[in-house]
């Protein structure tokens, strides 16, 4: 795995590639809040089934509509992983 600094550098490089029109697919386990904000689209999978697929910005509102509200000052990625792991 990468430390936080190297992971952030990698996200910068991958973001640059995506802005140039390349498709970038990554698998991230327990991303930091900063890394979460760098992601455009998200696919959340639990027990082999897709739980959410769409824009990162629509992810929390989608879970909120299902009764799962992310507490303030909580890393959204950690919150979502906790919800889908139950």
PDB file of N, CA and C in Angstrom:
ATOM      1  N   UNK A   1       0.810  -1.190   0.000  1.00  0.00           N
ATOM      2  CA  UNK A   1       0.000   0.000   0.000  1.00  0.00           C
ATOM      3  C   UNK A   1       0.856   1.258   0.000  1.00  0.00           C
ATOM      4  N   UNK A   2       0.236   2.341  -0.313  1.00  0.00           N
ATOM      5  CA  UNK A   2       0.917   3.633  -0.356  1.00  0.00           C
ATOM      6  C   UNK A   2       0.641   4.413   0.923  1.00  0.00           C
ATOM      7  N   UNK A   3       1.625   5.214   1.342  1.00  0.00           N
ATOM      8  CA  UNK A   3       1.346   6.114   2.453  1.00  0.00           C
ATOM      9  C   UNK A   3       0.477   7.250   1.925  1.00  0.00           C
ATOM     10  N   UNK A   4      -0.034   8.078   2.832  1.00  0.00           N
ATOM     11  CA  UNK A   4      -0.981   9.132   2.447  1.00  0.00           C
ATOM     12  C   UNK A   4      -0.394  10.083   1.414  1.00  0.00           C
ATOM     13  N   UNK A   5       0.868  10.455   1.565  1.00  0.00           N
ATOM     14  CA  UNK A   5       1.501  11.391   0.633  1.00  0.00           C
ATOM     15  C   UNK A   5       1.576  10.788  -0.767  1.00  0.00           C
ATOM     16  N   UNK A   6       2.049   9.543  -0.856  1.00  0.00           N
ATOM     17  CA  UNK A   6       2.175   8.893  -2.161  1.00  0.00           C
ATOM     18  C   UNK A   6       0.808   8.641  -2.792  1.00  0.00           C
ATOM     19  N   UNK A   7      -0.186   8.296  -1.970  1.00  0.00           N
ATOM     20  CA  UNK A   7      -1.533   8.086  -2.497  1.00  0.00           C
ATOM     21  C   UNK A   7      -2.085   9.379  -3.084  1.00  0.00           C
ATOM     22  N   UNK A   8      -1.842  10.486  -2.412  1.00  0.00           N
ATOM     23  CA  UNK A   8      -2.311  11.775  -2.917  1.00  0.00           C
ATOM     24  C   UNK A   8      -1.608  12.144  -4.227  1.00  0.00           C
ATOM     25  N   UNK A   9      -0.313  11.886  -4.302  1.00  0.00           N
ATOM     26  CA  UNK A   9       0.423  12.147  -5.553  1.00  0.00           C
ATOM     27  C   UNK A   9      -0.130  11.285  -6.685  1.00  0.00           C
ATOM     28  N   UNK A  10      -0.415  10.034  -6.375  1.00  0.00           N
ATOM     29  CA  UNK A  10      -0.961   9.133  -7.394  1.00  0.00           C
ATOM     30  C   UNK A  10      -2.322   9.632  -7.868  1.00  0.00           C
ATOM     31  N   UNK A  11      -3.160  10.102  -6.959  1.00  0.00           N
ATOM     32  CA  UNK A  11      -4.480  10.621  -7.342  1.00  0.00           C
ATOM     33  C   UNK A  11      -4.340  11.852  -8.232  1.00  0.00           C
ATOM     34  N   UNK A  12      -3.330  12.682  -7.986  1.00  0.00           N
ATOM     35  CA  UNK A  12      -3.092  13.851  -8.825  1.00  0.00           C
ATOM     36  C   UNK A  12      -2.747  13.419 -10.248  1.00  0.00           C
ATOM     37  N   UNK A  13      -1.853  12.453 -10.367  1.00  0.00           N
ATOM     38  CA  UNK A  13      -1.447  11.950 -11.688  1.00  0.00           C
ATOM     39  C   UNK A  13      -2.653  11.317 -12.401  1.00  0.00           C
ATOM     40  N   UNK A  14      -3.408  10.489 -11.684  1.00  0.00           N
ATOM     41  CA  UNK A  14      -4.572   9.845 -12.293  1.00  0.00           C
ATOM     42  C   UNK A  14      -5.643  10.865 -12.679  1.00  0.00           C
ATOM     43  N   UNK A  15      -5.809  11.903 -11.861  1.00  0.00           N
ATOM     44  CA  UNK A  15      -6.747  12.975 -12.187  1.00  0.00           C
ATOM     45  C   UNK A  15      -6.349  13.694 -13.463  1.00  0.00           C
ATOM     46  N   UNK A  16      -5.050  13.937 -13.608  1.00  0.00           N
ATOM     47  CA  UNK A  16      -4.553  14.573 -14.837  1.00  0.00           C
ATOM     48  C   UNK A  16      -4.861  13.704 -16.056  1.00  0.00           C
ATOM     49  N   UNK A  17      -4.645  12.401 -15.926  1.00  0.00           N
ATOM     50  CA  UNK A  17      -4.946  11.493 -17.037  1.00  0.00           C
ATOM     51  C   UNK A  17      -6.437  11.504 -17.377  1.00  0.00           C
ATOM     52  N   UNK A  18      -7.276  11.508 -16.362  1.00  0.00           N
ATOM     53  CA  UNK A  18      -8.728  11.530 -16.586  1.00  0.00           C
ATOM     54  C   UNK A  18      -9.144  12.813 -17.295  1.00  0.00           C
ATOM     55  N   UNK A  19      -8.574  13.942 -16.896  1.00  0.00           N
ATOM     56  CA  UNK A  19      -8.902  15.221 -17.546  1.00  0.00           C
ATOM     57  C   UNK A  19      -8.437  15.258 -18.999  1.00  0.00           C
ATOM     58  N   UNK A  20      -7.457  14.420 -19.345  1.00  0.00           N
ATOM     59  CA  UNK A  20      -6.989  14.329 -20.727  1.00  0.00           C
ATOM     60  C   UNK A  20      -7.857  13.381 -21.557  1.00  0.00           C
ATOM     61  N   UNK A  21      -8.877  12.796 -20.925  1.00  0.00           N
ATOM     62  CA  UNK A  21      -9.796  11.935 -21.657  1.00  0.00           C
ATOM     63  C   UNK A  21      -9.586  10.449 -21.451  1.00  0.00           C
ATOM     64  N   UNK A  22      -8.612  10.074 -20.654  1.00  0.00           N
ATOM     65  CA  UNK A  22      -8.376   8.656 -20.384  1.00  0.00           C
ATOM     66  C   UNK A  22      -9.362   8.154 -19.333  1.00  0.00           C
ATOM     67  N   UNK A  23      -9.745   6.907 -19.461  1.00  0.00           N
ATOM     68  CA  UNK A  23     -10.575   6.274 -18.437  1.00  0.00           C
ATOM     69  C   UNK A  23      -9.653   5.747 -17.348  1.00  0.00           C
ATOM     70  N   UNK A  24      -9.961   6.087 -16.103  1.00  0.00           N
ATOM     71  CA  UNK A  24      -9.145   5.657 -14.970  1.00  0.00           C
ATOM     72  C   UNK A  24     -10.043   4.890 -14.006  1.00  0.00           C
ATOM     73  N   UNK A  25      -9.639   3.682 -13.683  1.00  0.00           N
ATOM     74  CA  UNK A  25     -10.372   2.851 -12.733  1.00  0.00           C
ATOM     75  C   UNK A  25      -9.415   2.506 -11.600  1.00  0.00           C
ATOM     76  N   UNK A  26      -9.846   2.748 -10.370  1.00  0.00           N
ATOM     77  CA  UNK A  26      -9.009   2.426  -9.214  1.00  0.00           C
ATOM     78  C   UNK A  26      -9.831   1.655  -8.188  1.00  0.00           C
ATOM     79  N   UNK A  27      -9.154   0.870  -7.412  1.00  0.00           N
ATOM     80  CA  UNK A  27      -9.767   0.194  -6.274  1.00  0.00           C
ATOM     81  C   UNK A  27      -9.108   0.768  -5.034  1.00  0.00           C
ATOM     82  N   UNK A  28      -9.910   1.375  -4.178  1.00  0.00           N
ATOM     83  CA  UNK A  28      -9.364   2.053  -2.999  1.00  0.00           C
ATOM     84  C   UNK A  28     -10.044   1.483  -1.763  1.00  0.00           C
ATOM     85  N   UNK A  29      -9.250   1.128  -0.797  1.00  0.00           N
ATOM     86  CA  UNK A  29      -9.760   0.642   0.476  1.00  0.00           C
ATOM     87  C   UNK A  29      -9.451   1.679   1.538  1.00  0.00           C
ATOM     88  N   UNK A  30     -10.468   2.168   2.206  1.00  0.00           N
ATOM     89  CA  UNK A  30     -10.352   3.164   3.268  1.00  0.00           C
ATOM     90  C   UNK A  30      -9.647   4.441   2.804  1.00  0.00           C
ATOM     91  N   UNK A  31     -10.207   5.115   1.792  1.00  0.00           N
ATOM     92  CA  UNK A  31      -9.579   6.364   1.327  1.00  0.00           C
ATOM     93  C   UNK A  31      -9.744   7.483   2.353  1.00  0.00           C
ATOM     94  N   UNK A  32      -8.790   8.372   2.368  1.00  0.00           N
ATOM     95  CA  UNK A  32      -8.886   9.559   3.222  1.00  0.00           C
ATOM     96  C   UNK A  32     -10.002  10.457   2.688  1.00  0.00           C
ATOM     97  N   UNK A  33     -10.417  11.418   3.495  1.00  0.00           N
ATOM     98  CA  UNK A  33     -11.438  12.375   3.044  1.00  0.00           C
ATOM     99  C   UNK A  33     -10.958  13.135   1.819  1.00  0.00           C
ATOM    100  N   UNK A  34      -9.698  13.488   1.808  1.00  0.00           N
ATOM    101  CA  UNK A  34      -9.134  14.231   0.672  1.00  0.00           C
ATOM    102  C   UNK A  34      -9.169  13.382  -0.593  1.00  0.00           C
ATOM    103  N   UNK A  35      -8.816  12.111  -0.469  1.00  0.00           N
ATOM    104  CA  UNK A  35      -8.849  11.230  -1.641  1.00  0.00           C
ATOM    105  C   UNK A  35     -10.292  11.036  -2.104  1.00  0.00           C
ATOM    106  N   UNK A  36     -11.220  10.897  -1.160  1.00  0.00           N
ATOM    107  CA  UNK A  36     -12.642  10.753  -1.499  1.00  0.00           C
ATOM    108  C   UNK A  36     -13.108  11.919  -2.362  1.00  0.00           C
ATOM    109  N   UNK A  37     -12.703  13.135  -2.001  1.00  0.00           N
ATOM    110  CA  UNK A  37     -13.119  14.323  -2.758  1.00  0.00           C
ATOM    111  C   UNK A  37     -12.509  14.363  -4.157  1.00  0.00           C
ATOM    112  N   UNK A  38     -11.443  13.627  -4.395  1.00  0.00           N
ATOM    113  CA  UNK A  38     -10.786  13.617  -5.708  1.00  0.00           C
ATOM    114  C   UNK A  38     -11.443  12.639  -6.684  1.00  0.00           C
ATOM    115  N   UNK A  39     -12.363  11.839  -6.193  1.00  0.00           N
ATOM    116  CA  UNK A  39     -13.007  10.814  -7.022  1.00  0.00           C
ATOM    117  C   UNK A  39     -14.281  11.388  -7.649  1.00  0.00           C
ATOM    118  N   UNK A  40     -14.482  11.138  -8.939  1.00  0.00           N
ATOM    119  CA  UNK A  40     -15.672  11.628  -9.640  1.00  0.00           C
ATOM    120  C   UNK A  40     -16.849  10.665  -9.517  1.00  0.00           C
ATOM    121  N   UNK A  41     -16.625   9.411  -9.849  1.00  0.00           N
ATOM    122  CA  UNK A  41     -17.684   8.407  -9.847  1.00  0.00           C
ATOM    123  C   UNK A  41     -17.290   7.249  -8.941  1.00  0.00           C
ATOM    124  N   UNK A  42     -18.293   6.622  -8.348  1.00  0.00           N
ATOM    125  CA  UNK A  42     -18.068   5.591  -7.338  1.00  0.00           C
ATOM    126  C   UNK A  42     -18.903   4.355  -7.656  1.00  0.00           C
ATOM    127  N   UNK A  43     -18.313   3.205  -7.445  1.00  0.00           N
ATOM    128  CA  UNK A  43     -19.054   1.944  -7.458  1.00  0.00           C
ATOM    129  C   UNK A  43     -18.767   1.287  -6.116  1.00  0.00           C
ATOM    130  N   UNK A  44     -19.813   1.084  -5.327  1.00  0.00           N
ATOM    131  CA  UNK A  44     -19.689   0.407  -4.040  1.00  0.00           C
ATOM    132  C   UNK A  44     -20.250  -0.995  -4.181  1.00  0.00           C
ATOM    133  N   UNK A  45     -19.451  -1.979  -3.776  1.00  0.00           N
ATOM    134  CA  UNK A  45     -19.832  -3.384  -3.922  1.00  0.00           C
ATOM    135  C   UNK A  45     -19.800  -4.034  -2.548  1.00  0.00           C
ATOM    136  N   UNK A  46     -20.839  -4.793  -2.252  1.00  0.00           N
ATOM    137  CA  UNK A  46     -20.900  -5.540  -1.004  1.00  0.00           C
ATOM    138  C   UNK A  46     -21.352  -6.955  -1.297  1.00  0.00           C
ATOM    139  N   UNK A  47     -20.599  -7.917  -0.827  1.00  0.00           N
ATOM    140  CA  UNK A  47     -20.908  -9.330  -1.027  1.00  0.00           C
ATOM    141  C   UNK A  47     -21.177  -9.658  -2.489  1.00  0.00           C
ATOM    142  N   UNK A  48     -20.398  -9.050  -3.385  1.00  0.00           N
ATOM    143  CA  UNK A  48     -20.499  -9.334  -4.809  1.00  0.00           C
ATOM    144  C   UNK A  48     -21.593  -8.602  -5.557  1.00  0.00           C
ATOM    145  N   UNK A  49     -22.362  -7.767  -4.865  1.00  0.00           N
ATOM    146  CA  UNK A  49     -23.446  -7.027  -5.516  1.00  0.00           C
ATOM    147  C   UNK A  49     -23.174  -5.524  -5.473  1.00  0.00           C
ATOM    148  N   UNK A  50     -23.540  -4.851  -6.540  1.00  0.00           N
ATOM    149  CA  UNK A  50     -23.378  -3.398  -6.593  1.00  0.00           C
ATOM    150  C   UNK A  50     -24.436  -2.762  -5.694  1.00  0.00           C
ATOM    151  N   UNK A  51     -23.977  -1.968  -4.745  1.00  0.00           N
ATOM    152  CA  UNK A  51     -24.860  -1.277  -3.816  1.00  0.00           C
ATOM    153  C   UNK A  51     -25.126   0.145  -4.297  1.00  0.00           C
ATOM    154  N   UNK A  52     -24.123   0.757  -4.928  1.00  0.00           N
ATOM    155  CA  UNK A  52     -24.268   2.100  -5.477  1.00  0.00           C
ATOM    156  C   UNK A  52     -23.315   2.231  -6.655  1.00  0.00           C
ATOM    157  N   UNK A  53     -23.790   2.876  -7.700  1.00  0.00           N
ATOM    158  CA  UNK A  53     -22.956   3.198  -8.855  1.00  0.00           C
ATOM    159  C   UNK A  53     -23.416   4.548  -9.381  1.00  0.00           C
ATOM    160  N   UNK A  54     -22.526   5.514  -9.353  1.00  0.00           N
ATOM    161  CA  UNK A  54     -22.895   6.836  -9.840  1.00  0.00           C
ATOM    162  C   UNK A  54     -21.908   7.887  -9.394  1.00  0.00           C
ATOM    163  N   UNK A  55     -22.333   9.122  -9.507  1.00  0.00           N
ATOM    164  CA  UNK A  55     -21.476  10.250  -9.153  1.00  0.00           C
ATOM    165  C   UNK A  55     -21.211  10.275  -7.654  1.00  0.00           C
ATOM    166  N   UNK A  56     -19.970  10.593  -7.286  1.00  0.00           N
ATOM    167  CA  UNK A  56     -19.619  10.713  -5.873  1.00  0.00           C
ATOM    168  C   UNK A  56     -20.515  11.732  -5.185  1.00  0.00           C
ATOM    169  N   UNK A  57     -20.794  12.844  -5.863  1.00  0.00           N
ATOM    170  CA  UNK A  57     -21.605  13.898  -5.253  1.00  0.00           C
ATOM    171  C   UNK A  57     -23.033  13.452  -4.962  1.00  0.00           C
ATOM    172  N   UNK A  58     -23.519  12.445  -5.655  1.00  0.00           N
ATOM    173  CA  UNK A  58     -24.877  11.934  -5.432  1.00  0.00           C
ATOM    174  C   UNK A  58     -24.920  10.766  -4.455  1.00  0.00           C
ATOM    175  N   UNK A  59     -23.759  10.270  -4.058  1.00  0.00           N
ATOM    176  CA  UNK A  59     -23.687   9.072  -3.237  1.00  0.00           C
ATOM    177  C   UNK A  59     -24.299   9.277  -1.848  1.00  0.00           C
ATOM    178  N   UNK A  60     -23.832  10.271  -1.105  1.00  0.00           N
ATOM    179  CA  UNK A  60     -24.374  10.500   0.238  1.00  0.00           C
ATOM    180  C   UNK A  60     -25.859  10.848   0.212  1.00  0.00           C
ATOM    181  N   UNK A  61     -26.316  11.715  -0.719  1.00  0.00           N
ATOM    182  CA  UNK A  61     -27.763  11.963  -0.779  1.00  0.00           C
ATOM    183  C   UNK A  61     -28.565  10.693  -1.062  1.00  0.00           C
ATOM    184  N   UNK A  62     -28.032   9.796  -1.864  1.00  0.00           N
ATOM    185  CA  UNK A  62     -28.712   8.541  -2.157  1.00  0.00           C
ATOM    186  C   UNK A  62     -28.848   7.693  -0.893  1.00  0.00           C
ATOM    187  N   UNK A  63     -27.785   7.607  -0.117  1.00  0.00           N
ATOM    188  CA  UNK A  63     -27.840   6.839   1.130  1.00  0.00           C
ATOM    189  C   UNK A  63     -28.717   7.541   2.168  1.00  0.00           C
ATOM    190  N   UNK A  64     -28.686   8.884   2.180  1.00  0.00           N
ATOM    191  CA  UNK A  64     -29.540   9.649   3.099  1.00  0.00           C
ATOM    192  C   UNK A  64     -31.011   9.354   2.807  1.00  0.00           C
ATOM    193  N   UNK A  65     -31.362   9.256   1.528  1.00  0.00           N
ATOM    194  CA  UNK A  65     -32.746   8.963   1.138  1.00  0.00           C
ATOM    195  C   UNK A  65     -33.182   7.575   1.616  1.00  0.00           C
ATOM    196  N   UNK A  66     -32.212   6.696   1.844  1.00  0.00           N
ATOM    197  CA  UNK A  66     -32.505   5.345   2.342  1.00  0.00           C
ATOM    198  C   UNK A  66     -32.420   5.267   3.869  1.00  0.00           C
ATOM    199  N   UNK A  67     -32.217   6.434   4.508  1.00  0.00           N
ATOM    200  CA  UNK A  67     -32.191   6.461   5.970  1.00  0.00           C
ATOM    201  C   UNK A  67     -30.819   6.402   6.594  1.00  0.00           C
ATOM    202  N   UNK A  68     -29.760   6.500   5.803  1.00  0.00           N
ATOM    203  CA  UNK A  68     -28.391   6.451   6.314  1.00  0.00           C
ATOM    204  C   UNK A  68     -27.758   7.831   6.186  1.00  0.00           C
ATOM    205  N   UNK A  69     -27.713   8.565   7.284  1.00  0.00           N
ATOM    206  CA  UNK A  69     -27.190   9.940   7.289  1.00  0.00           C
ATOM    207  C   UNK A  69     -25.755   9.940   7.809  1.00  0.00           C
ATOM    208  N   UNK A  70     -24.852  10.479   7.017  1.00  0.00           N
ATOM    209  CA  UNK A  70     -23.441  10.569   7.401  1.00  0.00           C
ATOM    210  C   UNK A  70     -23.279  11.656   8.467  1.00  0.00           C
ATOM    211  N   UNK A  71     -22.779  11.299   9.647  1.00  0.00           N
ATOM    212  CA  UNK A  71     -22.588  12.305  10.702  1.00  0.00           C
ATOM    213  C   UNK A  71     -21.568  13.378  10.292  1.00  0.00           C
ATOM    214  N   UNK A  72     -21.754  14.565  10.817  1.00  0.00           N
ATOM    215  CA  UNK A  72     -20.802  15.656  10.570  1.00  0.00           C
ATOM    216  C   UNK A  72     -19.411  15.226  11.044  1.00  0.00           C
ATOM    217  N   UNK A  73     -18.409  15.736  10.388  1.00  0.00           N
ATOM    218  CA  UNK A  73     -17.008  15.475  10.728  1.00  0.00           C
ATOM    219  C   UNK A  73     -16.623  14.005  10.571  1.00  0.00           C
ATOM    220  N   UNK A  74     -17.350  13.279   9.725  1.00  0.00           N
ATOM    221  CA  UNK A  74     -17.048  11.871   9.469  1.00  0.00           C
ATOM    222  C   UNK A  74     -16.575  11.725   8.035  1.00  0.00           C
ATOM    223  N   UNK A  75     -15.534  10.944   7.839  1.00  0.00           N
ATOM    224  CA  UNK A  75     -15.040  10.656   6.504  1.00  0.00           C
ATOM    225  C   UNK A  75     -16.151   9.904   5.755  1.00  0.00           C
ATOM    226  N   UNK A  76     -16.668  10.488   4.670  1.00  0.00           N
ATOM    227  CA  UNK A  76     -17.767   9.832   3.938  1.00  0.00           C
ATOM    228  C   UNK A  76     -17.428   8.416   3.494  1.00  0.00           C
ATOM    229  N   UNK A  77     -16.190   8.190   3.076  1.00  0.00           N
ATOM    230  CA  UNK A  77     -15.803   6.854   2.617  1.00  0.00           C
ATOM    231  C   UNK A  77     -15.890   5.848   3.762  1.00  0.00           C
ATOM    232  N   UNK A  78     -15.412   6.222   4.947  1.00  0.00           N
ATOM    233  CA  UNK A  78     -15.503   5.326   6.101  1.00  0.00           C
ATOM    234  C   UNK A  78     -16.959   5.044   6.452  1.00  0.00           C
ATOM    235  N   UNK A  79     -17.780   6.092   6.439  1.00  0.00           N
ATOM    236  CA  UNK A  79     -19.201   5.940   6.736  1.00  0.00           C
ATOM    237  C   UNK A  79     -19.850   4.950   5.763  1.00  0.00           C
ATOM    238  N   UNK A  80     -19.609   5.147   4.480  1.00  0.00           N
ATOM    239  CA  UNK A  80     -20.222   4.277   3.470  1.00  0.00           C
ATOM    240  C   UNK A  80     -19.746   2.839   3.590  1.00  0.00           C
ATOM    241  N   UNK A  81     -18.459   2.656   3.856  1.00  0.00           N
ATOM    242  CA  UNK A  81     -17.945   1.307   4.030  1.00  0.00           C
ATOM    243  C   UNK A  81     -18.573   0.634   5.242  1.00  0.00           C
ATOM    244  N   UNK A  82     -18.777   1.403   6.315  1.00  0.00           N
ATOM    245  CA  UNK A  82     -19.453   0.843   7.488  1.00  0.00           C
ATOM    246  C   UNK A  82     -20.886   0.441   7.151  1.00  0.00           C
ATOM    247  N   UNK A  83     -21.587   1.284   6.409  1.00  0.00           N
ATOM    248  CA  UNK A  83     -22.993   0.999   6.074  1.00  0.00           C
ATOM    249  C   UNK A  83     -23.106  -0.241   5.206  1.00  0.00           C
ATOM    250  N   UNK A  84     -22.276  -0.362   4.192  1.00  0.00           N
ATOM    251  CA  UNK A  84     -22.420  -1.499   3.265  1.00  0.00           C
ATOM    252  C   UNK A  84     -21.817  -2.790   3.815  1.00  0.00           C
ATOM    253  N   UNK A  85     -21.074  -2.691   4.905  1.00  0.00           N
ATOM    254  CA  UNK A  85     -20.463  -3.876   5.493  1.00  0.00           C
ATOM    255  C   UNK A  85     -21.365  -4.570   6.492  1.00  0.00           C
ATOM    256  N   UNK A  86     -22.491  -3.967   6.816  1.00  0.00           N
ATOM    257  CA  UNK A  86     -23.389  -4.537   7.827  1.00  0.00           C
ATOM    258  C   UNK A  86     -24.226  -5.639   7.222  1.00  0.00           C
TER     259      UNK A  86
END
